[in-house]
């Protein structure tokens, strides 16, 4: 996969991880608060009380990272009280994290059926459907959520991501920019927006967006994808030294990525650092011995009287 494909495709993996982490934190925080208030409430039927107790214990297990135990507790909670919305949502999140995604989406859909006017639940259901490839159903959930709560950034973001999956980049960009009106510093929204701007051939705008993201994120937590995109955008506007700096920083995040290393090698060659470019190309080949671009670049660099390669860095 080359860097153009990497940023052109809707990248579900990293985005889903970021989203899942945020959702699980929100679920745990809200549910623990609910457990505290539950202890102060009046007497309720045994089934409801038992369900809520199991839900509280399940959320506590999630907080400790005991996911299998959390799933067992939440499954018991739903079995005791099938109409408990919170238990359904919590179970859906645990199942989603464990990889049982069809079952997770079914429980989140059940939660929507129990409370069809709760926009966050409708949105999360749509996100799960989109993750499963049910694009039209996800779009329907997004539009329902926009009607329910037009100032909810997640609703606009969901529809924007649906449009992106469908290849309608201008409409995707419009919805993501609308989402940013309501959540201007959301890192996932900034990343998606910057990627689409880059894909649409607007590197200067992409650069402004991703730079805002990098300024917003803690310095030691700047995402690799954001640094990578910044490097490509800098290269596209002929700011080559900055392209090298950002691509180099991106290589320090996570496991070696052959395409990223190849792009860094191109950037290094573009500024005349042929020895560094050759070393980086070798790193790319160590990560993927079949990476064609790195083979070609290294052969060119090792040829007699190799000269700086002046092709665009961005792709």
Protein backbone atom coordinates (compact mmCIF):
# COMPACT_ATOMS: atom_id res chain seq x y z
CA UNK A 1 0.00 0.00 0.00
CA UNK A 2 1.47 3.38 -0.94
CA UNK A 3 0.97 6.59 1.04
CA UNK A 4 -1.72 7.85 -1.31
CA UNK A 5 -3.78 4.73 -0.71
CA UNK A 6 -3.05 4.93 3.00
CA UNK A 7 -4.62 8.37 3.27
CA UNK A 8 -7.25 7.88 0.54
CA UNK A 9 -8.93 4.91 2.17
CA UNK A 10 -11.14 5.39 5.24
CA UNK A 11 -8.67 4.12 7.82
CA UNK A 12 -10.89 2.29 10.25
CA UNK A 13 -8.17 0.77 12.43
CA UNK A 14 -6.53 3.70 14.11
CA UNK A 15 -9.62 5.80 14.11
CA UNK A 16 -11.62 2.99 15.69
CA UNK A 17 -9.02 2.53 18.39
CA UNK A 18 -9.12 6.20 19.27
CA UNK A 19 -12.89 6.23 19.22
CA UNK A 20 -13.27 3.01 21.20
CA UNK A 21 -10.93 4.28 23.91
CA UNK A 22 -12.89 7.51 24.24
CA UNK A 23 -16.23 5.71 24.24
CA UNK A 24 -15.16 3.16 26.85
CA UNK A 25 -13.84 5.93 29.09
CA UNK A 26 -17.15 7.76 28.76
CA UNK A 27 -19.14 4.63 29.45
CA UNK A 28 -17.10 3.84 32.54
CA UNK A 29 -17.22 7.37 33.93
CA UNK A 30 -20.95 7.78 33.40
CA UNK A 31 -21.72 4.34 34.73
CA UNK A 32 -19.65 4.71 37.88
CA UNK A 33 -21.44 7.97 38.56
CA UNK A 34 -24.71 6.11 38.04
CA UNK A 35 -23.65 3.46 40.53
CA UNK A 36 -23.03 6.13 43.14
CA UNK A 37 -26.44 7.68 42.60
CA UNK A 38 -28.11 4.25 42.54
CA UNK A 39 -27.09 3.68 46.14
CA UNK A 40 -29.06 6.79 47.11
CA UNK A 41 -32.23 5.88 45.23
CA UNK A 42 -35.45 4.47 46.60
CA UNK A 43 -36.19 0.76 46.66
CA UNK A 44 -36.58 -0.74 43.18
CA UNK A 45 -37.64 -4.21 41.99
CA UNK A 46 -35.11 -6.95 42.67
CA UNK A 47 -34.47 -7.60 38.98
CA UNK A 48 -33.63 -3.94 38.38
CA UNK A 49 -31.48 -3.73 41.50
CA UNK A 50 -29.58 -6.90 40.60
CA UNK A 51 -29.08 -5.70 37.02
CA UNK A 52 -27.70 -2.36 38.18
CA UNK A 53 -25.41 -4.01 40.69
CA UNK A 54 -24.04 -6.37 38.04
CA UNK A 55 -23.63 -3.43 35.66
CA UNK A 56 -21.65 -1.50 38.26
CA UNK A 57 -19.44 -4.52 38.88
CA UNK A 58 -19.01 -4.98 35.13
CA UNK A 59 -17.92 -1.38 34.67
CA UNK A 60 -15.50 -1.71 37.59
CA UNK A 61 -14.03 -4.79 35.89
CA UNK A 62 -13.66 -2.76 32.67
CA UNK A 63 -11.80 -0.09 34.62
CA UNK A 64 -9.38 -2.74 35.89
CA UNK A 65 -8.92 -4.17 32.39
CA UNK A 66 -10.65 -7.47 33.24
CA UNK A 67 -12.60 -7.61 30.01
CA UNK A 68 -13.74 -11.24 30.07
CA UNK A 69 -15.08 -10.88 33.60
CA UNK A 70 -16.77 -7.61 32.63
CA UNK A 71 -18.49 -9.38 29.74
CA UNK A 72 -19.75 -12.16 32.00
CA UNK A 73 -21.18 -9.68 34.50
CA UNK A 74 -22.84 -7.53 31.86
CA UNK A 75 -24.33 -10.55 30.09
CA UNK A 76 -25.88 -11.56 33.40
CA UNK A 77 -27.20 -8.02 33.85
CA UNK A 78 -28.87 -8.03 30.44
CA UNK A 79 -30.30 -11.52 31.03
CA UNK A 80 -31.86 -10.39 34.33
CA UNK A 81 -33.23 -7.12 32.92
CA UNK A 82 -33.32 -7.08 29.09
CA UNK A 83 -34.85 -3.59 29.08
CA UNK A 84 -31.95 -1.92 30.92
CA UNK A 85 -30.44 0.49 28.40
CA UNK A 86 -27.18 1.13 30.23
CA UNK A 87 -26.42 -2.57 30.59
CA UNK A 88 -27.08 -3.07 26.87
CA UNK A 89 -24.75 -0.22 25.91
CA UNK A 90 -21.99 -1.36 28.24
CA UNK A 91 -22.21 -4.94 27.02
CA UNK A 92 -22.10 -3.72 23.41
CA UNK A 93 -18.87 -1.83 24.07
CA UNK A 94 -17.19 -4.79 25.76
CA UNK A 95 -18.23 -7.12 22.93
CA UNK A 96 -16.99 -4.62 20.33
CA UNK A 97 -13.63 -4.44 22.03
CA UNK A 98 -13.36 -8.23 22.22
CA UNK A 99 -14.01 -8.59 18.48
CA UNK A 100 -17.61 -9.87 18.67
CA UNK A 101 -18.74 -6.99 16.54
CA UNK A 102 -21.94 -8.35 15.04
CA UNK A 103 -23.21 -9.20 18.49
CA UNK A 104 -22.08 -5.82 19.81
CA UNK A 105 -23.99 -3.99 17.08
CA UNK A 106 -27.10 -6.06 17.83
CA UNK A 107 -27.00 -5.02 21.50
CA UNK A 108 -26.45 -1.37 20.58
CA UNK A 109 -29.38 -1.59 18.17
CA UNK A 110 -31.47 -3.01 21.01
CA UNK A 111 -30.44 0.00 23.13
CA UNK A 112 -31.59 2.31 20.32
CA UNK A 113 -34.93 0.49 20.19
CA UNK A 114 -35.32 1.02 23.94
CA UNK A 115 -34.54 4.75 23.70
CA UNK A 116 -34.70 5.93 20.07
CA UNK A 117 -34.37 9.60 21.04
CA UNK A 118 -31.02 9.30 22.82
CA UNK A 119 -28.66 10.78 20.22
CA UNK A 120 -25.35 9.40 21.62
CA UNK A 121 -26.72 5.86 21.49
CA UNK A 122 -28.01 6.36 17.95
CA UNK A 123 -24.58 7.71 16.93
CA UNK A 124 -22.69 4.85 18.52
CA UNK A 125 -24.96 2.36 16.81
CA UNK A 126 -24.20 4.07 13.51
CA UNK A 127 -20.47 3.96 14.18
CA UNK A 128 -20.66 0.24 14.79
CA UNK A 129 -22.69 -0.29 11.63
CA UNK A 130 -20.13 1.69 9.64
CA UNK A 131 -17.36 -0.43 11.15
CA UNK A 132 -19.22 -3.51 9.94
CA UNK A 133 -19.58 -2.10 6.42
CA UNK A 134 -23.33 -1.43 6.65
CA UNK A 135 -22.84 2.00 5.13
CA UNK A 136 -26.42 2.91 4.25
CA UNK A 137 -27.73 1.85 7.65
CA UNK A 138 -24.98 3.89 9.29
CA UNK A 139 -25.99 6.89 7.19
CA UNK A 140 -29.57 6.46 8.35
CA UNK A 141 -28.46 6.50 11.98
CA UNK A 142 -26.35 9.62 11.35
CA UNK A 143 -29.28 11.48 9.85
CA UNK A 144 -31.55 10.42 12.71
CA UNK A 145 -28.98 11.76 15.18
CA UNK A 146 -28.67 15.07 13.31
CA UNK A 147 -32.43 15.53 13.58
CA UNK A 148 -32.39 14.61 17.28
CA UNK A 149 -29.41 16.79 18.24
CA UNK A 150 -28.11 19.06 15.50
CA UNK A 151 -25.30 20.43 17.68
CA UNK A 152 -23.80 17.00 18.38
CA UNK A 153 -20.40 16.81 16.67
CA UNK A 154 -20.55 13.02 16.61
CA UNK A 155 -23.67 13.03 14.43
CA UNK A 156 -22.06 15.19 11.74
CA UNK A 157 -18.79 13.28 12.00
CA UNK A 158 -20.57 9.97 11.49
CA UNK A 159 -22.32 11.17 8.33
CA UNK A 160 -19.05 12.70 7.10
CA UNK A 161 -17.29 9.38 7.52
CA UNK A 162 -20.11 7.63 5.68
CA UNK A 163 -19.70 10.04 2.76
CA UNK A 164 -15.95 9.44 2.82
CA UNK A 165 -16.51 5.68 2.67
CA UNK A 166 -18.74 6.28 -0.34
CA UNK A 167 -16.08 8.42 -2.05
CA UNK A 168 -18.05 11.67 -1.75
CA UNK A 169 -15.14 13.68 -0.39
CA UNK A 170 -16.60 17.17 -0.74
CA UNK A 171 -19.71 16.18 1.20
CA UNK A 172 -17.56 14.36 3.74
CA UNK A 173 -15.44 17.48 4.22
CA UNK A 174 -18.49 19.69 4.66
CA UNK A 175 -19.90 17.45 7.40
CA UNK A 176 -16.58 17.12 9.20
CA UNK A 177 -16.13 20.88 9.18
CA UNK A 178 -19.62 21.18 10.63
CA UNK A 179 -18.61 18.72 13.34
CA UNK A 180 -15.56 20.87 14.10
CA UNK A 181 -17.84 23.84 14.74
CA UNK A 182 -19.14 22.00 17.79
CA UNK A 183 -15.89 20.27 18.80
CA UNK A 184 -13.03 22.36 17.37
CA UNK A 185 -10.17 20.55 19.12
CA UNK A 186 -11.26 16.94 18.58
CA UNK A 187 -8.12 15.20 17.32
CA UNK A 188 -9.93 12.53 15.30
CA UNK A 189 -12.04 15.14 13.50
CA UNK A 190 -8.99 17.28 12.74
CA UNK A 191 -7.11 14.25 11.38
CA UNK A 192 -9.96 13.14 9.12
CA UNK A 193 -10.49 16.70 7.88
CA UNK A 194 -6.80 17.21 7.11
CA UNK A 195 -6.62 13.89 5.26
CA UNK A 196 -9.58 14.76 3.06
CA UNK A 197 -8.19 18.23 2.32
CA UNK A 198 -4.94 16.58 1.25
CA UNK A 199 -6.79 14.04 -0.88
CA UNK A 200 -8.67 16.86 -2.59
CA UNK A 201 -5.39 18.52 -3.60
CA UNK A 202 -5.46 21.29 -0.99
CA UNK A 203 -2.16 20.74 0.82
CA UNK A 204 -1.97 24.24 2.30
CA UNK A 205 -5.35 23.82 4.00
CA UNK A 206 -4.46 20.31 5.05
CA UNK A 207 -1.25 21.62 6.55
CA UNK A 208 -3.09 24.30 8.53
CA UNK A 209 -5.53 21.72 9.89
CA UNK A 210 -2.96 19.10 10.83
CA UNK A 211 -0.72 21.74 12.39
CA UNK A 212 -3.62 22.78 14.62
CA UNK A 213 -3.98 19.12 15.57
CA UNK A 214 -0.28 18.83 16.43
CA UNK A 215 -0.42 22.06 18.44
CA UNK A 216 -3.44 20.71 20.34
CA UNK A 217 -2.04 17.26 21.13
CA UNK A 218 0.49 16.85 23.97
CA UNK A 219 4.02 16.85 22.45
CA UNK A 220 4.69 13.25 23.52
CA UNK A 221 1.32 12.06 22.20
CA UNK A 222 1.29 13.46 18.68
CA UNK A 223 -0.14 10.69 16.47
CA UNK A 224 2.10 9.09 13.87
CA UNK A 225 -0.55 9.55 11.18
CA UNK A 226 -0.67 13.29 11.90
CA UNK A 227 3.11 13.74 11.71
CA UNK A 228 3.17 11.66 8.53
CA UNK A 229 0.46 13.72 6.92
CA UNK A 230 2.20 16.95 7.96
CA UNK A 231 5.38 15.70 6.29
CA UNK A 232 3.54 14.94 3.06
CA UNK A 233 1.77 18.31 3.11
CA UNK A 234 5.02 20.19 3.73
CA UNK A 235 6.57 18.34 0.81
CA UNK A 236 3.61 19.24 -1.41
CA UNK A 237 4.18 22.96 -0.77
CA UNK A 238 7.96 22.61 -1.25
CA UNK A 239 8.92 23.10 2.39
CA UNK A 240 11.28 20.16 2.21
CA UNK A 241 13.30 20.53 5.39
CA UNK A 242 10.08 20.59 7.40
CA UNK A 243 8.88 17.58 5.43
CA UNK A 244 11.97 15.66 6.54
CA UNK A 245 11.58 16.75 10.16
CA UNK A 246 7.94 15.65 10.40
CA UNK A 247 8.43 12.37 8.57
CA UNK A 248 11.44 11.63 10.78
CA UNK A 249 9.34 12.31 13.88
CA UNK A 250 6.61 10.01 12.52
CA UNK A 251 9.08 7.13 12.18
CA UNK A 252 9.76 7.32 15.91
CA UNK A 253 6.13 6.41 16.67
CA UNK A 254 5.17 2.75 16.64
CA UNK A 255 6.53 -0.11 14.56
CA UNK A 256 8.54 0.55 11.38
CA UNK A 257 6.22 1.25 8.43
CA UNK A 258 7.86 0.64 5.04
CA UNK A 259 5.83 3.24 3.15
CA UNK A 260 6.52 5.90 5.76
CA UNK A 261 10.24 5.10 5.67
CA UNK A 262 10.18 5.25 1.87
CA UNK A 263 8.54 8.67 1.98
CA UNK A 264 11.19 9.85 4.45
CA UNK A 265 13.92 8.54 2.13
CA UNK A 266 12.42 10.50 -0.76
CA UNK A 267 12.30 13.63 1.37
CA UNK A 268 15.91 13.16 2.46
CA UNK A 269 16.97 12.71 -1.15
CA UNK A 270 15.07 15.83 -2.14
CA UNK A 271 17.18 17.91 0.25
CA UNK A 272 20.40 16.30 -1.00
CA UNK A 273 20.96 13.88 1.91
CA UNK A 274 21.61 10.85 -0.26
CA UNK A 275 23.48 8.83 2.35
CA UNK A 276 20.65 9.28 4.85
CA UNK A 277 18.11 8.45 2.12
CA UNK A 278 19.93 5.21 1.30
CA UNK A 279 20.04 4.22 4.97
CA UNK A 280 16.32 4.91 5.35
CA UNK A 281 15.48 2.95 2.20
CA UNK A 282 17.36 0.00 3.68
CA UNK A 283 15.27 0.31 6.84
CA UNK A 284 12.13 0.21 4.69
CA UNK A 285 13.35 -2.97 3.01
CA UNK A 286 14.17 -4.51 6.37
CA UNK A 287 10.52 -3.95 7.30
CA UNK A 288 9.24 -5.19 3.92
CA UNK A 289 11.69 -6.84 1.57
CA UNK A 290 9.19 -6.59 -1.31
CA UNK A 291 8.68 -2.81 -1.13
CA UNK A 292 9.17 -1.90 -4.78
CA UNK A 293 9.63 1.85 -4.36
CA UNK A 294 12.42 1.36 -1.84
CA UNK A 295 14.20 -1.13 -4.10
CA UNK A 296 14.06 1.33 -6.99
CA UNK A 297 15.17 4.29 -4.88
CA UNK A 298 18.08 2.40 -3.36
CA UNK A 299 19.24 1.24 -6.79
CA UNK A 300 19.13 4.82 -8.03
CA UNK A 301 21.02 6.10 -4.99
CA UNK A 302 23.71 3.45 -5.40
CA UNK A 303 24.15 4.14 -9.11
CA UNK A 304 27.21 6.19 -10.12
CA UNK A 305 26.74 9.97 -9.94
CA UNK A 306 23.29 9.71 -8.34
CA UNK A 307 21.58 13.07 -8.34
CA UNK A 308 18.87 14.47 -6.12
CA UNK A 309 15.43 13.20 -7.02
CA UNK A 310 13.13 16.14 -7.66
CA UNK A 311 9.79 14.34 -7.81
CA UNK A 312 6.98 15.46 -5.49
CA UNK A 313 7.12 13.96 -2.01
CA UNK A 314 3.42 14.02 -1.36
CA UNK A 315 2.58 10.74 -3.06
